[in-house]
């Protein structure tokens, strides 16, 4: 029957290995995700302005299509359709040309709208990544405090604890095991 002392020592060993492994994973991730607040604010601001600009351009393209025959170079489209001077071009050719112009305007408007929605999704994902960076930073801080507590317990009771060397985990040497280069004894 296992003793409480053995169970506590095994739990202590498992916690130590777990903390070291998690710090190995979370610390670089938290460092990569943490960006200065000013840089994040500028990035978010640029994305918001770009998103609004794309939506306004998409709306502007639709308004442009509505007033197309009243704007300087494009008023020729109405003349091509309704004036008899251009009958030799062919009614079908003129009609297809007009549809092509309106089709291009519609496609440009749709593309600008989809670009705006893509910028919105990027902005929202950046917000999620920012929150994840803050959460990981908190977790790393908690893990570092726990690691410090485990190391303090290990240093306080170094004579009573067995050697905890786990495969794949490098655990620093105890204070009394560090050699003194000035002592030749």
N, C-alpha and C. Protein backbone atom coordinates (compact mmCIF):
# COMPACT_ATOMS: atom_id res chain seq x y z
N UNK A 1 0.84 -1.18 0.00
CA UNK A 1 0.00 0.00 0.00
C UNK A 1 0.89 1.24 0.00
N UNK A 2 0.68 2.13 -1.02
CA UNK A 2 1.54 3.31 -1.12
C UNK A 2 1.29 4.27 0.04
N UNK A 3 2.34 4.91 0.44
CA UNK A 3 2.25 5.88 1.51
C UNK A 3 1.92 7.26 0.95
N UNK A 4 1.35 8.09 1.81
CA UNK A 4 0.99 9.45 1.42
C UNK A 4 2.23 10.21 0.98
N UNK A 5 3.31 10.01 1.67
CA UNK A 5 4.56 10.68 1.34
C UNK A 5 5.00 10.33 -0.09
N UNK A 6 4.91 9.05 -0.46
CA UNK A 6 5.30 8.62 -1.82
C UNK A 6 4.37 9.23 -2.87
N UNK A 7 3.07 9.25 -2.57
CA UNK A 7 2.12 9.83 -3.51
C UNK A 7 2.38 11.33 -3.71
N UNK A 8 2.66 12.02 -2.61
CA UNK A 8 2.94 13.45 -2.71
C UNK A 8 4.24 13.71 -3.47
N UNK A 9 5.24 12.88 -3.25
CA UNK A 9 6.49 13.03 -4.00
C UNK A 9 6.29 12.78 -5.49
N UNK A 10 5.50 11.77 -5.82
CA UNK A 10 5.23 11.49 -7.24
C UNK A 10 4.43 12.63 -7.87
N UNK A 11 3.45 13.16 -7.13
CA UNK A 11 2.67 14.28 -7.64
C UNK A 11 3.57 15.51 -7.83
N UNK A 12 4.46 15.74 -6.89
CA UNK A 12 5.40 16.86 -6.99
C UNK A 12 6.27 16.70 -8.24
N UNK A 13 6.74 15.51 -8.47
CA UNK A 13 7.57 15.22 -9.64
C UNK A 13 6.78 15.46 -10.94
N UNK A 14 5.55 14.99 -10.99
CA UNK A 14 4.72 15.16 -12.19
C UNK A 14 4.41 16.64 -12.43
N UNK A 15 4.14 17.37 -11.36
CA UNK A 15 3.87 18.81 -11.51
C UNK A 15 5.09 19.54 -12.04
N UNK A 16 6.25 19.17 -11.53
CA UNK A 16 7.48 19.82 -11.98
C UNK A 16 7.72 19.57 -13.46
N UNK A 17 7.56 18.33 -13.89
CA UNK A 17 7.75 17.99 -15.30
C UNK A 17 6.71 18.72 -16.15
N UNK A 18 5.46 18.74 -15.70
CA UNK A 18 4.39 19.40 -16.44
C UNK A 18 4.66 20.89 -16.59
N UNK A 19 5.05 21.54 -15.52
CA UNK A 19 5.33 22.99 -15.57
C UNK A 19 6.47 23.28 -16.53
N UNK A 20 7.55 22.51 -16.47
CA UNK A 20 8.68 22.74 -17.37
C UNK A 20 8.27 22.52 -18.83
N UNK A 21 7.49 21.47 -19.09
CA UNK A 21 7.05 21.20 -20.46
C UNK A 21 6.12 22.29 -20.98
N UNK A 22 5.19 22.73 -20.14
CA UNK A 22 4.26 23.78 -20.58
C UNK A 22 4.96 25.11 -20.79
N UNK A 23 5.93 25.43 -19.94
CA UNK A 23 6.68 26.66 -20.14
C UNK A 23 7.47 26.61 -21.45
N UNK A 24 7.97 25.44 -21.78
CA UNK A 24 8.71 25.26 -23.03
C UNK A 24 7.82 25.56 -24.25
N UNK A 25 6.53 25.24 -24.15
CA UNK A 25 5.60 25.45 -25.26
C UNK A 25 5.03 26.87 -25.24
N UNK A 26 4.57 27.33 -24.08
CA UNK A 26 3.83 28.58 -24.01
C UNK A 26 4.69 29.82 -24.08
N UNK A 27 5.90 29.78 -23.55
CA UNK A 27 6.72 30.99 -23.52
C UNK A 27 7.05 31.51 -24.91
N UNK A 28 7.52 30.67 -25.85
CA UNK A 28 7.76 31.21 -27.20
C UNK A 28 6.48 31.67 -27.90
N UNK A 29 5.39 30.95 -27.65
CA UNK A 29 4.11 31.32 -28.26
C UNK A 29 3.63 32.67 -27.74
N UNK A 30 3.74 32.88 -26.45
CA UNK A 30 3.35 34.16 -25.86
C UNK A 30 4.22 35.30 -26.36
N UNK A 31 5.50 35.03 -26.55
CA UNK A 31 6.41 36.05 -27.06
C UNK A 31 6.05 36.43 -28.49
N UNK A 32 5.71 35.44 -29.31
CA UNK A 32 5.34 35.71 -30.69
C UNK A 32 4.01 36.45 -30.79
N UNK A 33 3.07 36.13 -29.93
CA UNK A 33 1.75 36.74 -30.01
C UNK A 33 1.69 38.13 -29.38
N UNK A 34 2.63 38.43 -28.51
CA UNK A 34 2.56 39.74 -27.85
C UNK A 34 3.18 40.79 -28.77
N UNK A 35 2.36 41.77 -29.08
CA UNK A 35 2.76 42.90 -29.92
C UNK A 35 2.53 44.15 -29.11
N UNK A 36 3.31 45.18 -29.33
CA UNK A 36 3.05 46.43 -28.61
C UNK A 36 1.65 46.96 -28.93
N UNK A 37 1.04 47.57 -27.93
CA UNK A 37 -0.34 48.06 -28.08
C UNK A 37 -0.44 49.11 -29.18
N UNK A 38 0.57 49.96 -29.32
CA UNK A 38 0.52 51.00 -30.35
C UNK A 38 0.53 50.38 -31.74
N UNK A 39 1.35 49.36 -31.93
CA UNK A 39 1.41 48.69 -33.23
C UNK A 39 0.08 48.02 -33.55
N UNK A 40 -0.52 47.37 -32.56
CA UNK A 40 -1.81 46.71 -32.75
C UNK A 40 -2.91 47.74 -33.06
N UNK A 41 -2.86 48.89 -32.38
CA UNK A 41 -3.84 49.94 -32.60
C UNK A 41 -3.72 50.51 -34.01
N UNK A 42 -2.49 50.72 -34.48
CA UNK A 42 -2.29 51.24 -35.83
C UNK A 42 -2.78 50.22 -36.85
N UNK A 43 -2.45 48.96 -36.63
CA UNK A 43 -2.88 47.92 -37.56
C UNK A 43 -4.41 47.83 -37.60
N UNK A 44 -5.04 47.88 -36.45
CA UNK A 44 -6.51 47.83 -36.40
C UNK A 44 -7.10 49.07 -37.05
N UNK A 45 -6.51 50.22 -36.81
CA UNK A 45 -7.00 51.45 -37.42
C UNK A 45 -6.91 51.42 -38.94
N UNK A 46 -5.80 50.93 -39.45
CA UNK A 46 -5.64 50.83 -40.90
C UNK A 46 -6.65 49.86 -41.49
N UNK A 47 -6.88 48.74 -40.80
CA UNK A 47 -7.85 47.77 -41.30
C UNK A 47 -9.27 48.34 -41.30
N UNK A 48 -9.63 49.08 -40.26
CA UNK A 48 -10.97 49.68 -40.20
C UNK A 48 -11.15 50.70 -41.31
N UNK A 49 -10.16 51.56 -41.49
CA UNK A 49 -10.24 52.58 -42.54
C UNK A 49 -10.31 51.92 -43.91
N UNK A 50 -9.50 50.90 -44.14
CA UNK A 50 -9.51 50.19 -45.42
C UNK A 50 -10.85 49.50 -45.66
N UNK A 51 -11.40 48.91 -44.61
CA UNK A 51 -12.70 48.24 -44.73
C UNK A 51 -13.79 49.23 -45.12
N UNK A 52 -13.85 50.34 -44.43
CA UNK A 52 -14.86 51.36 -44.72
C UNK A 52 -14.65 51.91 -46.13
N UNK A 53 -13.40 52.13 -46.51
CA UNK A 53 -13.09 52.64 -47.85
C UNK A 53 -13.57 51.65 -48.93
N UNK A 54 -13.36 50.36 -48.71
CA UNK A 54 -13.82 49.36 -49.69
C UNK A 54 -15.35 49.35 -49.79
N UNK A 55 -16.03 49.43 -48.66
CA UNK A 55 -17.49 49.47 -48.70
C UNK A 55 -17.99 50.72 -49.42
N UNK A 56 -17.35 51.85 -49.14
CA UNK A 56 -17.76 53.09 -49.81
C UNK A 56 -17.49 53.03 -51.31
N UNK A 57 -16.36 52.45 -51.69
CA UNK A 57 -16.07 52.30 -53.12
C UNK A 57 -17.08 51.37 -53.80
N UNK A 58 -17.47 50.29 -53.12
CA UNK A 58 -18.46 49.37 -53.70
C UNK A 58 -19.79 50.10 -53.88
N UNK A 59 -20.20 50.86 -52.88
CA UNK A 59 -21.43 51.64 -53.00
C UNK A 59 -21.29 52.72 -54.08
N UNK A 60 -20.11 53.33 -54.14
CA UNK A 60 -19.86 54.35 -55.16
C UNK A 60 -19.93 53.77 -56.57
N UNK A 61 -19.48 52.54 -56.74
CA UNK A 61 -19.57 51.90 -58.06
C UNK A 61 -21.02 51.68 -58.47
N UNK A 62 -21.87 51.33 -57.51
CA UNK A 62 -23.29 51.17 -57.84
C UNK A 62 -23.94 52.50 -58.20
N UNK A 63 -23.58 53.56 -57.48
CA UNK A 63 -24.09 54.90 -57.80
C UNK A 63 -23.55 55.33 -59.17
N UNK A 64 -22.30 55.01 -59.43
CA UNK A 64 -21.69 55.31 -60.72
C UNK A 64 -22.45 54.63 -61.85
N UNK A 65 -22.84 53.37 -61.64
CA UNK A 65 -23.59 52.64 -62.67
C UNK A 65 -24.96 53.30 -62.91
N UNK A 66 -25.56 53.83 -61.86
CA UNK A 66 -26.87 54.47 -61.98
C UNK A 66 -26.78 55.77 -62.80
N UNK A 67 -25.72 56.54 -62.58
CA UNK A 67 -25.55 57.82 -63.26
C UNK A 67 -24.58 57.74 -64.44
N UNK A 68 -24.32 56.56 -64.92
CA UNK A 68 -23.30 56.36 -65.94
C UNK A 68 -23.56 57.17 -67.21
N UNK A 69 -24.79 57.24 -67.63
CA UNK A 69 -25.08 57.93 -68.90
C UNK A 69 -25.05 59.45 -68.76
N UNK A 70 -24.87 59.96 -67.55
CA UNK A 70 -24.82 61.40 -67.33
C UNK A 70 -23.40 61.90 -67.04
N UNK A 71 -22.45 61.00 -66.98
CA UNK A 71 -21.06 61.35 -66.66
C UNK A 71 -20.29 61.48 -67.98
N UNK A 72 -19.36 62.42 -68.03
CA UNK A 72 -18.72 62.86 -69.27
C UNK A 72 -18.33 61.78 -70.27
N UNK A 73 -17.36 60.91 -70.01
CA UNK A 73 -16.99 60.06 -71.15
C UNK A 73 -18.03 58.98 -71.43
N UNK A 74 -18.88 58.68 -70.46
CA UNK A 74 -19.80 57.55 -70.62
C UNK A 74 -21.17 57.95 -71.18
N UNK A 75 -21.42 59.22 -71.35
CA UNK A 75 -22.70 59.65 -71.94
C UNK A 75 -22.83 59.13 -73.37
N UNK A 76 -21.70 58.77 -73.96
CA UNK A 76 -21.69 58.24 -75.32
C UNK A 76 -22.48 56.93 -75.41
N UNK A 77 -22.54 56.17 -74.31
CA UNK A 77 -23.30 54.91 -74.32
C UNK A 77 -24.77 55.16 -74.66
N UNK A 78 -25.35 56.21 -74.08
CA UNK A 78 -26.76 56.52 -74.37
C UNK A 78 -26.91 56.97 -75.81
N UNK A 79 -25.96 57.75 -76.29
CA UNK A 79 -26.02 58.20 -77.68
C UNK A 79 -25.88 57.03 -78.65
N UNK A 80 -25.01 56.08 -78.30
CA UNK A 80 -24.83 54.91 -79.17
C UNK A 80 -26.13 54.10 -79.28
N UNK A 81 -26.88 54.04 -78.22
CA UNK A 81 -28.10 53.24 -78.22
C UNK A 81 -29.26 53.94 -78.92
N UNK A 82 -29.40 55.26 -78.72
CA UNK A 82 -30.63 55.92 -79.13
C UNK A 82 -30.51 56.85 -80.35
N UNK A 83 -29.33 57.15 -80.81
CA UNK A 83 -29.19 58.02 -81.98
C UNK A 83 -29.03 57.18 -83.23
N UNK A 84 -29.68 57.59 -84.25
CA UNK A 84 -29.66 56.85 -85.50
C UNK A 84 -28.33 56.93 -86.23
N UNK A 85 -27.50 57.90 -85.86
CA UNK A 85 -26.20 58.06 -86.54
C UNK A 85 -25.30 56.84 -86.34
N UNK A 86 -25.52 56.13 -85.27
CA UNK A 86 -24.67 54.99 -84.94
C UNK A 86 -25.33 53.65 -85.26
N UNK A 87 -26.37 53.67 -86.08
CA UNK A 87 -27.10 52.44 -86.42
C UNK A 87 -26.23 51.45 -87.18
N UNK A 88 -25.23 51.96 -87.91
CA UNK A 88 -24.37 51.07 -88.68
C UNK A 88 -23.49 50.19 -87.77
N UNK A 89 -23.33 50.56 -86.49
CA UNK A 89 -22.57 49.73 -85.54
C UNK A 89 -23.33 48.45 -85.20
N UNK A 90 -24.59 48.46 -85.35
CA UNK A 90 -25.42 47.31 -85.04
C UNK A 90 -26.01 47.42 -83.64
N UNK A 91 -27.32 47.21 -83.57
CA UNK A 91 -28.03 47.33 -82.29
C UNK A 91 -27.50 46.31 -81.27
N UNK A 92 -27.29 45.07 -81.69
CA UNK A 92 -26.81 44.01 -80.80
C UNK A 92 -25.42 44.33 -80.28
N UNK A 93 -24.54 44.83 -81.13
CA UNK A 93 -23.18 45.17 -80.71
C UNK A 93 -23.17 46.28 -79.66
N UNK A 94 -23.96 47.30 -79.90
CA UNK A 94 -24.05 48.41 -78.95
C UNK A 94 -24.64 47.93 -77.62
N UNK A 95 -25.69 47.10 -77.69
CA UNK A 95 -26.34 46.59 -76.49
C UNK A 95 -25.35 45.71 -75.68
N UNK A 96 -24.60 44.86 -76.37
CA UNK A 96 -23.62 44.00 -75.68
C UNK A 96 -22.50 44.83 -75.06
N UNK A 97 -22.08 45.88 -75.76
CA UNK A 97 -21.05 46.77 -75.22
C UNK A 97 -21.55 47.44 -73.94
N UNK A 98 -22.78 47.88 -73.94
CA UNK A 98 -23.38 48.52 -72.76
C UNK A 98 -23.48 47.52 -71.61
N UNK A 99 -23.93 46.30 -71.91
CA UNK A 99 -24.01 45.27 -70.87
C UNK A 99 -22.63 44.93 -70.31
N UNK A 100 -21.63 44.93 -71.18
CA UNK A 100 -20.27 44.64 -70.73
C UNK A 100 -19.77 45.71 -69.77
N UNK A 101 -20.05 46.96 -70.08
CA UNK A 101 -19.63 48.06 -69.19
C UNK A 101 -20.33 47.93 -67.84
N UNK A 102 -21.66 47.73 -67.86
CA UNK A 102 -22.40 47.57 -66.60
C UNK A 102 -21.95 46.31 -65.85
N UNK A 103 -21.65 45.26 -66.56
CA UNK A 103 -21.17 44.03 -65.93
C UNK A 103 -19.83 44.23 -65.23
N UNK A 104 -18.92 44.95 -65.90
CA UNK A 104 -17.62 45.22 -65.26
C UNK A 104 -17.79 46.08 -64.01
N UNK A 105 -18.67 47.06 -64.08
CA UNK A 105 -18.92 47.90 -62.90
C UNK A 105 -19.49 47.04 -61.76
N UNK A 106 -20.42 46.13 -62.10
CA UNK A 106 -21.00 45.26 -61.08
C UNK A 106 -19.96 44.32 -60.48
N UNK A 107 -19.09 43.76 -61.31
CA UNK A 107 -18.05 42.86 -60.81
C UNK A 107 -17.07 43.61 -59.93
N UNK A 108 -16.68 44.82 -60.34
CA UNK A 108 -15.77 45.62 -59.52
C UNK A 108 -16.43 45.94 -58.17
N UNK A 109 -17.71 46.26 -58.19
CA UNK A 109 -18.43 46.55 -56.95
C UNK A 109 -18.46 45.33 -56.04
N UNK A 110 -18.75 44.15 -56.59
CA UNK A 110 -18.75 42.92 -55.79
C UNK A 110 -17.37 42.61 -55.22
N UNK A 111 -16.34 42.77 -56.04
CA UNK A 111 -14.98 42.49 -55.57
C UNK A 111 -14.59 43.44 -54.43
N UNK A 112 -14.96 44.71 -54.55
CA UNK A 112 -14.67 45.65 -53.47
C UNK A 112 -15.44 45.29 -52.20
N UNK A 113 -16.68 44.86 -52.35
CA UNK A 113 -17.46 44.44 -51.18
C UNK A 113 -16.82 43.22 -50.51
N UNK A 114 -16.41 42.23 -51.31
CA UNK A 114 -15.77 41.03 -50.73
C UNK A 114 -14.42 41.37 -50.11
N UNK A 115 -13.70 42.31 -50.69
CA UNK A 115 -12.45 42.76 -50.09
C UNK A 115 -12.72 43.41 -48.73
N UNK A 116 -13.77 44.22 -48.64
CA UNK A 116 -14.13 44.83 -47.37
C UNK A 116 -14.49 43.79 -46.31
N UNK A 117 -15.26 42.77 -46.70
CA UNK A 117 -15.61 41.73 -45.72
C UNK A 117 -14.39 40.92 -45.33
N UNK A 118 -13.46 40.71 -46.24
CA UNK A 118 -12.22 40.00 -45.90
C UNK A 118 -11.38 40.81 -44.92
N UNK A 119 -11.31 42.11 -45.13
CA UNK A 119 -10.58 42.97 -44.19
C UNK A 119 -11.23 42.93 -42.81
N UNK A 120 -12.55 42.86 -42.77
CA UNK A 120 -13.25 42.76 -41.49
C UNK A 120 -12.90 41.46 -40.78
N UNK A 121 -12.87 40.35 -41.53
CA UNK A 121 -12.52 39.07 -40.93
C UNK A 121 -11.08 39.08 -40.42
N UNK A 122 -10.18 39.68 -41.17
CA UNK A 122 -8.79 39.79 -40.72
C UNK A 122 -8.71 40.59 -39.42
N UNK A 123 -9.46 41.69 -39.36
CA UNK A 123 -9.46 42.52 -38.15
C UNK A 123 -9.99 41.74 -36.95
N UNK A 124 -11.07 40.98 -37.15
CA UNK A 124 -11.63 40.20 -36.05
C UNK A 124 -10.68 39.09 -35.61
N UNK A 125 -10.01 38.46 -36.56
CA UNK A 125 -9.03 37.42 -36.20
C UNK A 125 -7.85 38.03 -35.46
N UNK A 126 -7.43 39.23 -35.85
CA UNK A 126 -6.35 39.89 -35.12
C UNK A 126 -6.76 40.18 -33.67
N UNK A 127 -8.03 40.56 -33.47
CA UNK A 127 -8.52 40.79 -32.11
C UNK A 127 -8.47 39.49 -31.30
N UNK A 128 -8.85 38.38 -31.94
CA UNK A 128 -8.81 37.08 -31.25
C UNK A 128 -7.38 36.72 -30.91
N UNK A 129 -6.45 36.93 -31.85
CA UNK A 129 -5.04 36.62 -31.59
C UNK A 129 -4.47 37.50 -30.48
N UNK A 130 -4.91 38.75 -30.44
CA UNK A 130 -4.46 39.65 -29.37
C UNK A 130 -4.94 39.15 -28.01
N UNK A 131 -6.20 38.74 -27.94
CA UNK A 131 -6.72 38.21 -26.68
C UNK A 131 -6.01 36.92 -26.30
N UNK A 132 -5.74 36.06 -27.30
CA UNK A 132 -5.01 34.82 -27.01
C UNK A 132 -3.61 35.13 -26.49
N UNK A 133 -2.96 36.14 -27.04
CA UNK A 133 -1.63 36.53 -26.56
C UNK A 133 -1.67 36.98 -25.11
N UNK A 134 -2.71 37.75 -24.74
CA UNK A 134 -2.85 38.20 -23.34
C UNK A 134 -3.08 37.00 -22.42
N UNK A 135 -3.95 36.07 -22.86
CA UNK A 135 -4.25 34.90 -22.03
C UNK A 135 -3.02 34.01 -21.86
N UNK A 136 -2.26 33.83 -22.93
CA UNK A 136 -1.05 33.00 -22.84
C UNK A 136 -0.02 33.69 -21.95
N UNK A 137 0.06 35.01 -22.04
CA UNK A 137 0.98 35.74 -21.17
C UNK A 137 0.61 35.53 -19.69
N UNK A 138 -0.70 35.56 -19.39
CA UNK A 138 -1.15 35.29 -18.02
C UNK A 138 -0.79 33.87 -17.59
N UNK A 139 -1.02 32.91 -18.51
CA UNK A 139 -0.69 31.51 -18.19
C UNK A 139 0.80 31.33 -17.94
N UNK A 140 1.63 31.97 -18.74
CA UNK A 140 3.08 31.86 -18.55
C UNK A 140 3.46 32.45 -17.21
N UNK A 141 2.84 33.58 -16.86
CA UNK A 141 3.12 34.18 -15.55
C UNK A 141 2.73 33.25 -14.41
N UNK A 142 1.57 32.61 -14.51
CA UNK A 142 1.14 31.66 -13.48
C UNK A 142 2.09 30.45 -13.42
N UNK A 143 2.50 29.98 -14.59
CA UNK A 143 3.42 28.83 -14.63
C UNK A 143 4.79 29.21 -14.05
N UNK A 144 5.24 30.42 -14.32
CA UNK A 144 6.52 30.84 -13.76
C UNK A 144 6.45 30.97 -12.23
N UNK A 145 5.31 31.46 -11.73
CA UNK A 145 5.16 31.52 -10.27
C UNK A 145 5.15 30.11 -9.67
N UNK A 146 4.45 29.20 -10.34
CA UNK A 146 4.40 27.80 -9.86
C UNK A 146 5.78 27.16 -9.94
N UNK A 147 6.52 27.45 -11.00
CA UNK A 147 7.88 26.92 -11.15
C UNK A 147 8.77 27.44 -10.04
N UNK A 148 8.63 28.73 -9.71
CA UNK A 148 9.43 29.32 -8.64
C UNK A 148 9.08 28.66 -7.30
N UNK A 149 7.78 28.39 -7.08
CA UNK A 149 7.38 27.73 -5.83
C UNK A 149 7.94 26.31 -5.76
N UNK A 150 7.90 25.60 -6.88
CA UNK A 150 8.43 24.23 -6.92
C UNK A 150 9.94 24.25 -6.68
N UNK A 151 10.63 25.19 -7.34
CA UNK A 151 12.08 25.29 -7.14
C UNK A 151 12.42 25.65 -5.70
N UNK A 152 11.62 26.53 -5.08
CA UNK A 152 11.87 26.91 -3.68
C UNK A 152 11.67 25.71 -2.76
N UNK A 153 10.60 24.93 -3.01
CA UNK A 153 10.37 23.73 -2.21
C UNK A 153 11.51 22.73 -2.39
N UNK A 154 11.95 22.59 -3.62
CA UNK A 154 13.04 21.64 -3.90
C UNK A 154 14.33 22.09 -3.23
N UNK A 155 14.62 23.39 -3.23
CA UNK A 155 15.83 23.88 -2.59
C UNK A 155 15.74 23.76 -1.06
N UNK A 156 14.55 23.97 -0.52
CA UNK A 156 14.36 23.88 0.92
C UNK A 156 14.50 22.44 1.41
N UNK A 157 14.04 21.49 0.60
CA UNK A 157 14.04 20.08 1.03
C UNK A 157 14.91 19.22 0.11
N UNK A 158 16.04 19.75 -0.33
CA UNK A 158 16.85 19.02 -1.30
C UNK A 158 17.42 17.72 -0.77
N UNK A 159 17.62 17.61 0.53
CA UNK A 159 18.16 16.36 1.08
C UNK A 159 17.10 15.26 1.14
N UNK A 160 15.84 15.64 1.27
CA UNK A 160 14.77 14.67 1.44
C UNK A 160 14.16 14.20 0.12
N UNK A 161 14.33 14.98 -0.94
CA UNK A 161 13.72 14.65 -2.23
C UNK A 161 14.62 13.73 -3.04
N UNK A 162 14.02 12.76 -3.71
CA UNK A 162 14.82 11.92 -4.62
C UNK A 162 15.18 12.72 -5.86
N UNK A 163 16.12 12.21 -6.67
CA UNK A 163 16.55 12.89 -7.88
C UNK A 163 15.46 12.77 -8.94
N UNK A 164 14.99 13.90 -9.44
CA UNK A 164 13.91 13.91 -10.44
C UNK A 164 14.48 14.18 -11.82
N UNK A 165 15.04 13.24 -12.46
CA UNK A 165 15.48 13.41 -13.85
C UNK A 165 14.52 12.64 -14.73
N UNK A 166 13.79 13.36 -15.54
CA UNK A 166 12.78 12.77 -16.43
C UNK A 166 13.32 12.81 -17.85
N UNK A 167 12.96 11.86 -18.66
CA UNK A 167 13.45 11.84 -20.03
C UNK A 167 12.90 13.03 -20.81
N UNK A 168 13.81 13.71 -21.51
CA UNK A 168 13.41 14.82 -22.36
C UNK A 168 13.24 16.14 -21.63
N UNK A 169 13.34 16.17 -20.31
CA UNK A 169 13.16 17.40 -19.55
C UNK A 169 14.46 17.72 -18.84
N UNK A 170 14.99 18.90 -19.11
CA UNK A 170 16.22 19.32 -18.47
C UNK A 170 15.85 20.12 -17.24
N UNK A 171 16.21 19.60 -16.09
CA UNK A 171 15.90 20.26 -14.82
C UNK A 171 17.23 20.77 -14.26
N UNK A 172 17.29 22.04 -13.88
CA UNK A 172 18.57 22.58 -13.41
C UNK A 172 19.08 21.85 -12.17
N UNK A 173 20.40 21.87 -12.03
CA UNK A 173 21.04 21.19 -10.90
C UNK A 173 20.70 21.90 -9.59
N UNK A 174 20.80 21.14 -8.51
CA UNK A 174 20.56 21.71 -7.19
C UNK A 174 21.76 22.57 -6.80
N UNK A 175 21.55 23.47 -5.84
CA UNK A 175 22.59 24.42 -5.45
C UNK A 175 23.84 23.70 -4.97
N UNK A 176 23.68 22.65 -4.19
CA UNK A 176 24.83 21.96 -3.63
C UNK A 176 25.56 21.11 -4.65
N UNK A 177 24.96 20.86 -5.83
CA UNK A 177 25.61 20.05 -6.84
C UNK A 177 26.41 20.89 -7.83
N UNK A 178 26.32 22.22 -7.75
CA UNK A 178 27.06 23.09 -8.65
C UNK A 178 28.50 23.18 -8.15
N UNK A 179 29.43 22.91 -9.03
CA UNK A 179 30.85 22.92 -8.65
C UNK A 179 31.35 24.35 -8.48
N UNK A 180 32.27 24.52 -7.55
CA UNK A 180 32.90 25.81 -7.31
C UNK A 180 34.24 25.78 -8.04
N UNK A 181 34.39 26.61 -9.08
CA UNK A 181 35.63 26.55 -9.85
C UNK A 181 36.87 27.02 -9.06
N UNK A 182 36.69 27.76 -7.99
CA UNK A 182 37.81 28.23 -7.20
C UNK A 182 38.26 27.24 -6.14
N UNK A 183 37.49 26.21 -5.92
CA UNK A 183 37.82 25.22 -4.88
C UNK A 183 38.35 23.96 -5.55
N UNK A 184 39.53 23.50 -5.13
CA UNK A 184 40.15 22.33 -5.73
C UNK A 184 40.06 21.09 -4.85
N UNK A 185 39.27 21.11 -3.83
CA UNK A 185 39.21 20.02 -2.87
C UNK A 185 38.51 18.87 -3.38
